[in-house]
C-alpha atoms as a PDB file:
ATOM      1  CA  MET A   1       7.420  12.406  10.454  1.00  0.00           C
ATOM      2  CA  THR A   2       7.074  12.367   6.094  1.00  0.00           C
ATOM      3  CA  GLU A   3       3.600  11.687   4.367  1.00  0.00           C
ATOM      4  CA  HIS A   4       4.354  10.133   1.102  1.00  0.00           C
ATOM      5  CA  GLN A   5       1.729   9.569  -1.683  1.00  0.00           C
ATOM      6  CA  LEU A   6       2.716   5.779  -3.700  1.00  0.00           C
ATOM      7  CA  LYS A   7       1.446   4.151  -6.652  1.00  0.00           C
ATOM      8  CA  THR A   8       0.437   0.794  -5.088  1.00  0.00           C
ATOM      9  CA  TRP A   9      -0.360  -1.981  -8.102  1.00  0.00           C
ATOM     10  CA  PRO A  10      -3.494  -4.065  -7.478  1.00  0.00           C
ATOM     11  CA  ALA A  11      -2.844  -7.484  -5.900  1.00  0.00           C
ATOM     12  CA  PHE A  12      -0.002  -5.643  -3.189  1.00  0.00           C
ATOM     13  CA  PHE A  13      -2.507  -3.186  -2.388  1.00  0.00           C
ATOM     14  CA  ASP A  14      -5.322  -6.138  -1.999  1.00  0.00           C
ATOM     15  CA  ALA A  15      -2.730  -7.826   0.153  1.00  0.00           C
ATOM     16  CA  ILE A  16      -1.798  -4.678   2.714  1.00  0.00           C
ATOM     17  CA  ARG A  17      -5.865  -4.506   2.588  1.00  0.00           C
ATOM     18  CA  ASP A  18      -6.653  -7.698   3.536  1.00  0.00           C
ATOM     19  CA  GLY A  19      -3.649  -8.110   6.674  1.00  0.00           C
ATOM     20  CA  GLU A  20      -1.878 -10.443   4.460  1.00  0.00           C
ATOM     21  CA  LYS A  21       1.337  -8.321   3.310  1.00  0.00           C
ATOM     22  CA  SER A  22       2.928  -6.049   6.378  1.00  0.00           C
ATOM     23  CA  PHE A  23       5.784  -4.577   4.702  1.00  0.00           C
ATOM     24  CA  GLU A  24       6.529  -2.813   1.606  1.00  0.00           C
ATOM     25  CA  VAL A  25       9.778  -2.752  -0.793  1.00  0.00           C
ATOM     26  CA  ARG A  26      10.693   0.735  -2.364  1.00  0.00           C
ATOM     27  CA  LYS A  27      13.207   2.529  -4.006  1.00  0.00           C
ATOM     28  CA  ASN A  28      14.747   4.666  -1.081  1.00  0.00           C
ATOM     29  CA  ASP A  29      13.934   7.733  -3.440  1.00  0.00           C
ATOM     30  CA  ARG A  30      11.743   9.670  -0.673  1.00  0.00           C
ATOM     31  CA  GLY A  31      14.747   8.938   2.572  1.00  0.00           C
ATOM     32  CA  PHE A  32      11.442   7.091   4.132  1.00  0.00           C
ATOM     33  CA  GLN A  33      12.085   6.787   7.736  1.00  0.00           C
ATOM     34  CA  LYS A  34      10.445   5.038  11.328  1.00  0.00           C
ATOM     35  CA  GLY A  35       7.333   7.094  11.534  1.00  0.00           C
ATOM     36  CA  ASP A  36       6.608   8.334   8.003  1.00  0.00           C
ATOM     37  CA  VAL A  37       2.926   7.831   6.904  1.00  0.00           C
ATOM     38  CA  LEU A  38       2.716   6.030   3.170  1.00  0.00           C
ATOM     39  CA  ILE A  39      -0.878   7.087   1.634  1.00  0.00           C
ATOM     40  CA  LEU A  40      -0.599   3.671  -0.636  1.00  0.00           C
ATOM     41  CA  ASN A  41      -2.858   4.486  -4.184  1.00  0.00           C
ATOM     42  CA  LYS A  42      -4.080   1.678  -5.971  1.00  0.00           C
ATOM     43  CA  TRP A  43      -3.203   1.990  -9.041  1.00  0.00           C
ATOM     44  CA  ASP A  44      -3.234  -0.112 -12.005  1.00  0.00           C
ATOM     45  CA  PRO A  45       0.192  -0.126 -14.549  1.00  0.00           C
ATOM     46  CA  SER A  46      -1.474  -2.616 -17.063  1.00  0.00           C
ATOM     47  CA  PRO A  47      -0.153  -1.762 -20.594  1.00  0.00           C
ATOM     48  CA  ILE A  48      -3.054  -0.252 -22.902  1.00  0.00           C
ATOM     49  CA  GLY A  49      -1.963  -1.653 -25.686  1.00  0.00           C
ATOM     50  CA  ASP A  50      -1.483  -4.939 -24.707  1.00  0.00           C
ATOM     51  CA  PRO A  51      -4.917  -6.093 -23.196  1.00  0.00           C
ATOM     52  CA  ALA A  52      -3.737  -9.964 -23.721  1.00  0.00           C
ATOM     53  CA  GLN A  53      -0.388  -9.495 -21.596  1.00  0.00           C
ATOM     54  CA  ALA A  54      -2.511  -7.500 -19.364  1.00  0.00           C
ATOM     55  CA  ARG A  55      -4.737 -10.023 -18.226  1.00  0.00           C
ATOM     56  CA  MET A  56      -2.240 -12.909 -18.325  1.00  0.00           C
ATOM     57  CA  GLU A  57      -0.686 -10.553 -15.363  1.00  0.00           C
ATOM     58  CA  GLY A  58      -3.791  -9.973 -13.717  1.00  0.00           C
ATOM     59  CA  TRP A  59      -4.880  -6.553 -14.131  1.00  0.00           C
ATOM     60  CA  ALA A  60      -7.755  -5.084 -15.614  1.00  0.00           C
ATOM     61  CA  PRO A  61      -6.818  -4.524 -19.871  1.00  0.00           C
ATOM     62  CA  GLY A  62      -6.843  -1.422 -21.775  1.00  0.00           C
ATOM     63  CA  ALA A  63      -6.832   0.314 -18.610  1.00  0.00           C
ATOM     64  CA  ILE A  64      -3.858   2.655 -16.899  1.00  0.00           C
ATOM     65  CA  GLY A  65      -4.178   4.784 -13.473  1.00  0.00           C
ATOM     66  CA  TYR A  66      -5.391   5.054 -10.161  1.00  0.00           C
ATOM     67  CA  LEU A  67      -8.529   3.132  -9.685  1.00  0.00           C
ATOM     68  CA  ASP A  68     -11.409   3.373  -7.252  1.00  0.00           C
ATOM     69  CA  ASP A  69     -10.610   1.642  -4.113  1.00  0.00           C
ATOM     70  CA  GLU A  70     -10.052   4.273  -1.152  1.00  0.00           C
ATOM     71  CA  PRO A  71      -6.355   4.801  -0.321  1.00  0.00           C
ATOM     72  CA  LEU A  72      -5.086   2.888   3.053  1.00  0.00           C
ATOM     73  CA  ARG A  73      -2.882   4.983   5.230  1.00  0.00           C
ATOM     74  CA  MET A  74       0.001   2.574   6.844  1.00  0.00           C
ATOM     75  CA  ARG A  75       2.599   4.151   9.091  1.00  0.00           C
ATOM     76  CA  VAL A  76       6.517   2.741   9.060  1.00  0.00           C
ATOM     77  CA  THR A  77       7.189   0.794  12.049  1.00  0.00           C
ATOM     78  CA  TYR A  78      10.662  -0.236  10.776  1.00  0.00           C
ATOM     79  CA  VAL A  79      13.188   0.521   7.967  1.00  0.00           C
ATOM     80  CA  LEU A  80      15.580  -2.196   6.260  1.00  0.00           C
ATOM     81  CA  SER A  81      18.662  -1.126   3.999  1.00  0.00           C
ATOM     82  CA  GLY A  82      21.797  -2.928   3.386  1.00  0.00           C
ATOM     83  CA  PHE A  83      21.789  -6.690   4.503  1.00  0.00           C
ATOM     84  CA  GLY A  84      20.796  -8.158   1.680  1.00  0.00           C
ATOM     85  CA  ILE A  85      18.582  -5.333   0.778  1.00  0.00           C
ATOM     86  CA  GLU A  86      19.682  -3.655  -3.045  1.00  0.00           C
ATOM     87  CA  SER A  87      21.522  -0.992  -3.207  1.00  0.00           C
ATOM     88  CA  GLY A  88      19.392   2.296  -2.557  1.00  0.00           C
ATOM     89  CA  TYR A  89      15.882   0.406  -1.993  1.00  0.00           C
ATOM     90  CA  VAL A  90      14.651  -0.364   1.798  1.00  0.00           C
ATOM     91  CA  ALA A  91      12.154  -2.693   3.315  1.00  0.00           C
ATOM     92  CA  MET A  92       9.635  -0.976   5.518  1.00  0.00           C
ATOM     93  CA  GLY A  93       7.592  -2.600   8.347  1.00  0.00           C
ATOM     94  CA  ILE A  94       4.176  -1.219   8.260  1.00  0.00           C
ATOM     95  CA  VAL A  95       0.938  -1.255  10.007  1.00  0.00           C
ATOM     96  CA  PRO A  96      -2.608   0.574   9.579  1.00  0.00           C
ATOM     97  CA  ASP A  97      -2.038   4.141  10.983  1.00  0.00           C
ATOM     98  CA  LYS A  98      -4.376   4.744  14.139  1.00  0.00           C
ATOM     99  CA  LYS A  99      -5.730   7.990  12.843  1.00  0.00           C
ATOM    100  CA  VAL A 100      -8.844   7.546  11.072  1.00  0.00           C
ATOM    101  CA  GLN A 101      -8.510   6.360   7.525  1.00  0.00           C
ATOM    102  CA  SER A 102     -10.716   8.567   4.962  1.00  0.00           C
ATOM    103  CA  ALA A 103     -14.075   7.367   3.746  1.00  0.00           C
ATOM    104  CA  PRO A 104     -16.751   8.636   2.078  1.00  0.00           C
ATOM    105  CA  SER A 105     -18.916   6.668   4.498  1.00  0.00           C
ATOM    106  CA  GLY A 106     -17.045   7.967   7.335  1.00  0.00           C
ATOM    107  CA  GLY A 107     -13.940   6.403   7.629  1.00  0.00           C
ATOM    108  CA  PHE A 108     -12.492   3.002   8.798  1.00  0.00           C
ATOM    109  CA  LYS A 109     -10.335   2.010  12.170  1.00  0.00           C
ATOM    110  CA  TYR A 110      -8.210  -0.150  12.788  1.00  0.00           C
ATOM    111  CA  ASP A 111      -8.719  -2.997  14.614  1.00  0.00           C
ATOM    112  CA  SER A 112      -6.199  -6.081  14.971  1.00  0.00           C
ATOM    113  CA  THR A 113      -8.001  -9.249  16.219  1.00  0.00           C
ATOM    114  CA  LYS A 114      -5.902 -12.861  16.090  1.00  0.00           C
ATOM    115  CA  GLY A 115      -3.216 -10.987  14.275  1.00  0.00           C
ATOM    116  CA  LYS A 116      -5.290 -10.041  12.010  1.00  0.00           C
ATOM    117  CA  VAL A 117      -5.765  -6.419  10.285  1.00  0.00           C
ATOM    118  CA  LYS A 118      -9.526  -5.199  10.044  1.00  0.00           C
ATOM    119  CA  TRP A 119     -11.133  -2.290   8.851  1.00  0.00           C
ATOM    120  CA  MET A 120     -14.358  -1.563  10.690  1.00  0.00           C
ATOM    121  CA  LYS A 121     -17.202   1.167   9.759  1.00  0.00           C
ATOM    122  CA  GLU A 122     -17.070   3.586  13.152  1.00  0.00           C
ATOM    123  CA  GLU A 123     -19.410   3.697  15.065  1.00  0.00           C
END
């Protein structure tokens, strides 16, 4: 099991956090495997010199870099390569890692209810 620190664009980060996206497509430059952990860091790729373009794409104008959201810790459950996936890339099935998520307030835990992912403060 390997942990991978990855930059994740805001729209994709939010969709994973909200339980709407349960996969990740990446260049396979790290040799991703089932059981690996992805530490997803919310990262804004907007171009500094073009705030109008950034606004059109939904990014914070003029900001490039990591945003303040807590990273998401996701476990890889399946790795697909070939079969319609561009050479050198993989599609990975991901679920929240069952280890406690790190957060200043004490952490979050994974709870699945009705097929949705929910982040709940630990009691």
